[in-house]
C-alpha atoms as a PDB file:
ATOM      1  CA  UNK A   1     229.971 261.712  60.828  1.00  0.00           C
ATOM      2  CA  UNK A   2     230.445 260.617  64.455  1.00  0.00           C
ATOM      3  CA  UNK A   3     232.013 257.103  64.666  1.00  0.00           C
ATOM      4  CA  UNK A   4     230.811 255.740  68.168  1.00  0.00           C
ATOM      5  CA  UNK A   5     233.121 252.697  68.160  1.00  0.00           C
ATOM      6  CA  UNK A   6     235.328 250.836  65.841  1.00  0.00           C
ATOM      7  CA  UNK A   7     233.483 248.356  65.732  1.00  0.00           C
ATOM      8  CA  UNK A   8     229.929 251.075  63.913  1.00  0.00           C
ATOM      9  CA  UNK A   9     231.444 250.938  60.113  1.00  0.00           C
ATOM     10  CA  UNK A  10     231.265 247.214  60.509  1.00  0.00           C
ATOM     11  CA  UNK A  11     227.917 246.998  61.661  1.00  0.00           C
ATOM     12  CA  UNK A  12     226.331 249.138  59.457  1.00  0.00           C
ATOM     13  CA  UNK A  13     228.202 247.287  56.890  1.00  0.00           C
ATOM     14  CA  UNK A  14     226.725 244.283  57.811  1.00  0.00           C
ATOM     15  CA  UNK A  15     223.522 245.788  57.905  1.00  0.00           C
ATOM     16  CA  UNK A  16     223.627 246.651  54.239  1.00  0.00           C
ATOM     17  CA  UNK A  17     224.033 243.249  53.185  1.00  0.00           C
ATOM     18  CA  UNK A  18     221.657 241.548  55.297  1.00  0.00           C
ATOM     19  CA  UNK A  19     219.434 243.979  53.621  1.00  0.00           C
ATOM     20  CA  UNK A  20     220.159 243.043  49.850  1.00  0.00           C
ATOM     21  CA  UNK A  21     220.625 239.397  50.969  1.00  0.00           C
ATOM     22  CA  UNK A  22     217.211 239.475  52.534  1.00  0.00           C
ATOM     23  CA  UNK A  23     215.755 241.229  49.032  1.00  0.00           C
ATOM     24  CA  UNK A  24     217.771 238.814  46.949  1.00  0.00           C
ATOM     25  CA  UNK A  25     215.615 236.128  48.978  1.00  0.00           C
ATOM     26  CA  UNK A  26     212.633 237.535  48.500  1.00  0.00           C
ATOM     27  CA  UNK A  27     213.564 237.760  44.968  1.00  0.00           C
ATOM     28  CA  UNK A  28     213.878 233.981  44.724  1.00  0.00           C
ATOM     29  CA  UNK A  29     210.685 233.321  46.368  1.00  0.00           C
ATOM     30  CA  UNK A  30     209.031 235.917  43.802  1.00  0.00           C
ATOM     31  CA  UNK A  31     210.858 233.972  41.064  1.00  0.00           C
ATOM     32  CA  UNK A  32     209.460 230.206  42.000  1.00  0.00           C
ATOM     33  CA  UNK A  33     207.471 229.785  39.283  1.00  0.00           C
ATOM     34  CA  UNK A  34     209.330 231.962  36.584  1.00  0.00           C
ATOM     35  CA  UNK A  35     211.164 229.072  33.847  1.00  0.00           C
ATOM     36  CA  UNK A  36     214.628 228.347  33.994  1.00  0.00           C
ATOM     37  CA  UNK A  37     215.168 230.889  37.103  1.00  0.00           C
ATOM     38  CA  UNK A  38     218.183 230.200  39.211  1.00  0.00           C
ATOM     39  CA  UNK A  39     218.015 231.517  42.651  1.00  0.00           C
ATOM     40  CA  UNK A  40     220.752 234.229  43.633  1.00  0.00           C
ATOM     41  CA  UNK A  41     222.488 234.228  46.606  1.00  0.00           C
ATOM     42  CA  UNK A  42     225.190 236.911  48.151  1.00  0.00           C
ATOM     43  CA  UNK A  43     228.979 236.032  50.033  1.00  0.00           C
ATOM     44  CA  UNK A  44     229.889 238.528  51.826  1.00  0.00           C
ATOM     45  CA  UNK A  45     231.102 237.008  55.393  1.00  0.00           C
ATOM     46  CA  UNK A  46     234.760 236.928  54.187  1.00  0.00           C
ATOM     47  CA  UNK A  47     234.848 240.369  53.201  1.00  0.00           C
ATOM     48  CA  UNK A  48     233.630 241.639  56.961  1.00  0.00           C
ATOM     49  CA  UNK A  49     236.173 239.277  58.300  1.00  0.00           C
ATOM     50  CA  UNK A  50     238.792 241.116  56.269  1.00  0.00           C
ATOM     51  CA  UNK A  51     237.660 244.645  56.804  1.00  0.00           C
ATOM     52  CA  UNK A  52     237.355 243.541  61.028  1.00  0.00           C
ATOM     53  CA  UNK A  53     240.847 242.927  60.597  1.00  0.00           C
ATOM     54  CA  UNK A  54     242.080 245.716  59.034  1.00  0.00           C
ATOM     55  CA  UNK A  55     239.806 248.321  61.585  1.00  0.00           C
ATOM     56  CA  UNK A  56     241.257 246.500  64.486  1.00  0.00           C
ATOM     57  CA  UNK A  57     245.118 246.094  62.806  1.00  0.00           C
ATOM     58  CA  UNK A  58     244.872 242.267  63.050  1.00  0.00           C
ATOM     59  CA  UNK A  59     247.750 240.977  60.069  1.00  0.00           C
ATOM     60  CA  UNK A  60     246.203 238.771  58.412  1.00  0.00           C
ATOM     61  CA  UNK A  61     247.939 235.238  57.415  1.00  0.00           C
ATOM     62  CA  UNK A  62     247.655 235.650  53.419  1.00  0.00           C
ATOM     63  CA  UNK A  63     249.375 233.113  51.660  1.00  0.00           C
ATOM     64  CA  UNK A  64     251.877 234.507  48.832  1.00  0.00           C
ATOM     65  CA  UNK A  65     251.438 233.241  44.964  1.00  0.00           C
ATOM     66  CA  UNK A  66     254.408 231.210  44.122  1.00  0.00           C
ATOM     67  CA  UNK A  67     255.454 232.243  40.279  1.00  0.00           C
ATOM     68  CA  UNK A  68     257.348 229.858  39.001  1.00  0.00           C
ATOM     69  CA  UNK A  69     256.986 230.836  35.123  1.00  0.00           C
ATOM     70  CA  UNK A  70     257.272 234.023  33.496  1.00  0.00           C
ATOM     71  CA  UNK A  71     253.666 233.147  31.539  1.00  0.00           C
ATOM     72  CA  UNK A  72     251.951 232.869  35.088  1.00  0.00           C
ATOM     73  CA  UNK A  73     249.321 235.835  35.422  1.00  0.00           C
ATOM     74  CA  UNK A  74     249.930 237.699  38.393  1.00  0.00           C
ATOM     75  CA  UNK A  75     247.447 237.260  41.172  1.00  0.00           C
ATOM     76  CA  UNK A  76     244.535 239.949  41.792  1.00  0.00           C
ATOM     77  CA  UNK A  77     244.386 242.370  44.249  1.00  0.00           C
ATOM     78  CA  UNK A  78     242.275 243.494  46.697  1.00  0.00           C
ATOM     79  CA  UNK A  79     240.253 245.632  44.681  1.00  0.00           C
ATOM     80  CA  UNK A  80     239.049 242.707  42.383  1.00  0.00           C
ATOM     81  CA  UNK A  81     237.561 240.792  45.768  1.00  0.00           C
ATOM     82  CA  UNK A  82     236.683 243.984  47.895  1.00  0.00           C
ATOM     83  CA  UNK A  83     233.285 243.412  46.855  1.00  0.00           C
ATOM     84  CA  UNK A  84     230.749 240.924  48.461  1.00  0.00           C
ATOM     85  CA  UNK A  85     230.179 237.928  45.960  1.00  0.00           C
ATOM     86  CA  UNK A  86     226.626 237.539  44.292  1.00  0.00           C
ATOM     87  CA  UNK A  87     226.554 234.122  43.212  1.00  0.00           C
ATOM     88  CA  UNK A  88     224.268 231.522  41.641  1.00  0.00           C
ATOM     89  CA  UNK A  89     222.641 228.887  44.544  1.00  0.00           C
ATOM     90  CA  UNK A  90     222.808 225.758  42.502  1.00  0.00           C
ATOM     91  CA  UNK A  91     222.860 222.770  44.597  1.00  0.00           C
ATOM     92  CA  UNK A  92     219.130 221.685  43.693  1.00  0.00           C
ATOM     93  CA  UNK A  93     217.426 219.501  41.301  1.00  0.00           C
ATOM     94  CA  UNK A  94     215.860 221.628  38.536  1.00  0.00           C
ATOM     95  CA  UNK A  95     212.028 221.065  37.501  1.00  0.00           C
ATOM     96  CA  UNK A  96     210.557 220.461  34.325  1.00  0.00           C
ATOM     97  CA  UNK A  97     210.747 223.699  33.560  1.00  0.00           C
ATOM     98  CA  UNK A  98     214.180 224.623  34.740  1.00  0.00           C
ATOM     99  CA  UNK A  99     213.623 226.760  37.699  1.00  0.00           C
ATOM    100  CA  UNK A 100     215.831 225.210  40.746  1.00  0.00           C
ATOM    101  CA  UNK A 101     213.979 227.565  43.520  1.00  0.00           C
ATOM    102  CA  UNK A 102     213.837 225.266  46.874  1.00  0.00           C
ATOM    103  CA  UNK A 103     211.239 227.041  48.430  1.00  0.00           C
ATOM    104  CA  UNK A 104     212.045 225.224  51.814  1.00  0.00           C
ATOM    105  CA  UNK A 105     215.732 226.443  52.023  1.00  0.00           C
ATOM    106  CA  UNK A 106     214.436 230.178  50.555  1.00  0.00           C
ATOM    107  CA  UNK A 107     212.271 230.303  53.589  1.00  0.00           C
ATOM    108  CA  UNK A 108     214.975 228.940  56.465  1.00  0.00           C
ATOM    109  CA  UNK A 109     217.365 230.934  54.729  1.00  0.00           C
ATOM    110  CA  UNK A 110     215.144 233.846  54.862  1.00  0.00           C
ATOM    111  CA  UNK A 111     214.396 233.014  58.543  1.00  0.00           C
ATOM    112  CA  UNK A 112     218.412 232.679  59.521  1.00  0.00           C
ATOM    113  CA  UNK A 113     218.978 236.402  57.869  1.00  0.00           C
ATOM    114  CA  UNK A 114     216.433 238.012  59.433  1.00  0.00           C
ATOM    115  CA  UNK A 115     217.462 236.848  62.866  1.00  0.00           C
ATOM    116  CA  UNK A 116     220.780 238.025  62.103  1.00  0.00           C
ATOM    117  CA  UNK A 117     219.526 241.532  60.805  1.00  0.00           C
ATOM    118  CA  UNK A 118     217.696 241.866  64.385  1.00  0.00           C
ATOM    119  CA  UNK A 119     221.041 240.844  66.234  1.00  0.00           C
ATOM    120  CA  UNK A 120     222.654 243.634  64.844  1.00  0.00           C
ATOM    121  CA  UNK A 121     220.217 246.207  65.034  1.00  0.00           C
ATOM    122  CA  UNK A 122     220.222 245.324  68.731  1.00  0.00           C
ATOM    123  CA  UNK A 123     223.785 245.536  68.636  1.00  0.00           C
ATOM    124  CA  UNK A 124     223.651 249.022  67.233  1.00  0.00           C
ATOM    125  CA  UNK A 125     221.433 249.914  69.756  1.00  0.00           C
ATOM    126  CA  UNK A 126     223.415 248.704  72.571  1.00  0.00           C
ATOM    127  CA  UNK A 127     226.016 250.974  71.225  1.00  0.00           C
ATOM    128  CA  UNK A 128     224.197 254.003  70.642  1.00  0.00           C
ATOM    129  CA  UNK A 129     222.679 253.098  74.795  1.00  0.00           C
ATOM    130  CA  UNK A 130     226.491 253.242  75.851  1.00  0.00           C
ATOM    131  CA  UNK A 131     226.898 255.955  74.140  1.00  0.00           C
ATOM    132  CA  UNK A 132     224.250 257.965  74.947  1.00  0.00           C
ATOM    133  CA  UNK A 133     224.554 257.185  79.027  1.00  0.00           C
ATOM    134  CA  UNK A 134     228.546 258.144  78.991  1.00  0.00           C
ATOM    135  CA  UNK A 135     227.099 261.636  77.395  1.00  0.00           C
ATOM    136  CA  UNK A 136     224.233 261.621  79.836  1.00  0.00           C
ATOM    137  CA  UNK A 137     226.353 261.216  82.536  1.00  0.00           C
ATOM    138  CA  UNK A 138     229.392 263.906  81.480  1.00  0.00           C
ATOM    139  CA  UNK A 139     226.156 266.209  81.287  1.00  0.00           C
ATOM    140  CA  UNK A 140     225.911 265.886  85.529  1.00  0.00           C
ATOM    141  CA  UNK A 141     229.251 266.203  86.319  1.00  0.00           C
ATOM    142  CA  UNK A 142     229.755 269.532  84.493  1.00  0.00           C
END
């Protein structure tokens, strides 16, 4: 696979996560009348920041956990937290039927996610345009 820049893989991953988040929000809206439904969301910004640090070779400042007793458990490695985390968004009062979907929150989250998705698409288009311009220029020079 051709990688235009170091950040191309990050953009691709971010687009994938934004797409998953859009589907989750749409599912929350579709289940607004389902009894006992709890809205789901996905947290992926931390994982993208970690990936960015790896791609651009930035030192990540990790805090080492101290073990003051042999009974303490070993800390979880990166493998346990290397994926985005799905969680229930339970910050709102549940209705009488136990459903806690707030349509105002869901539609505003969907709008924010759409704006971010479109910004990422435009970033990828810009990168591809720069790469295409370099290829076109190099073909003219030869």
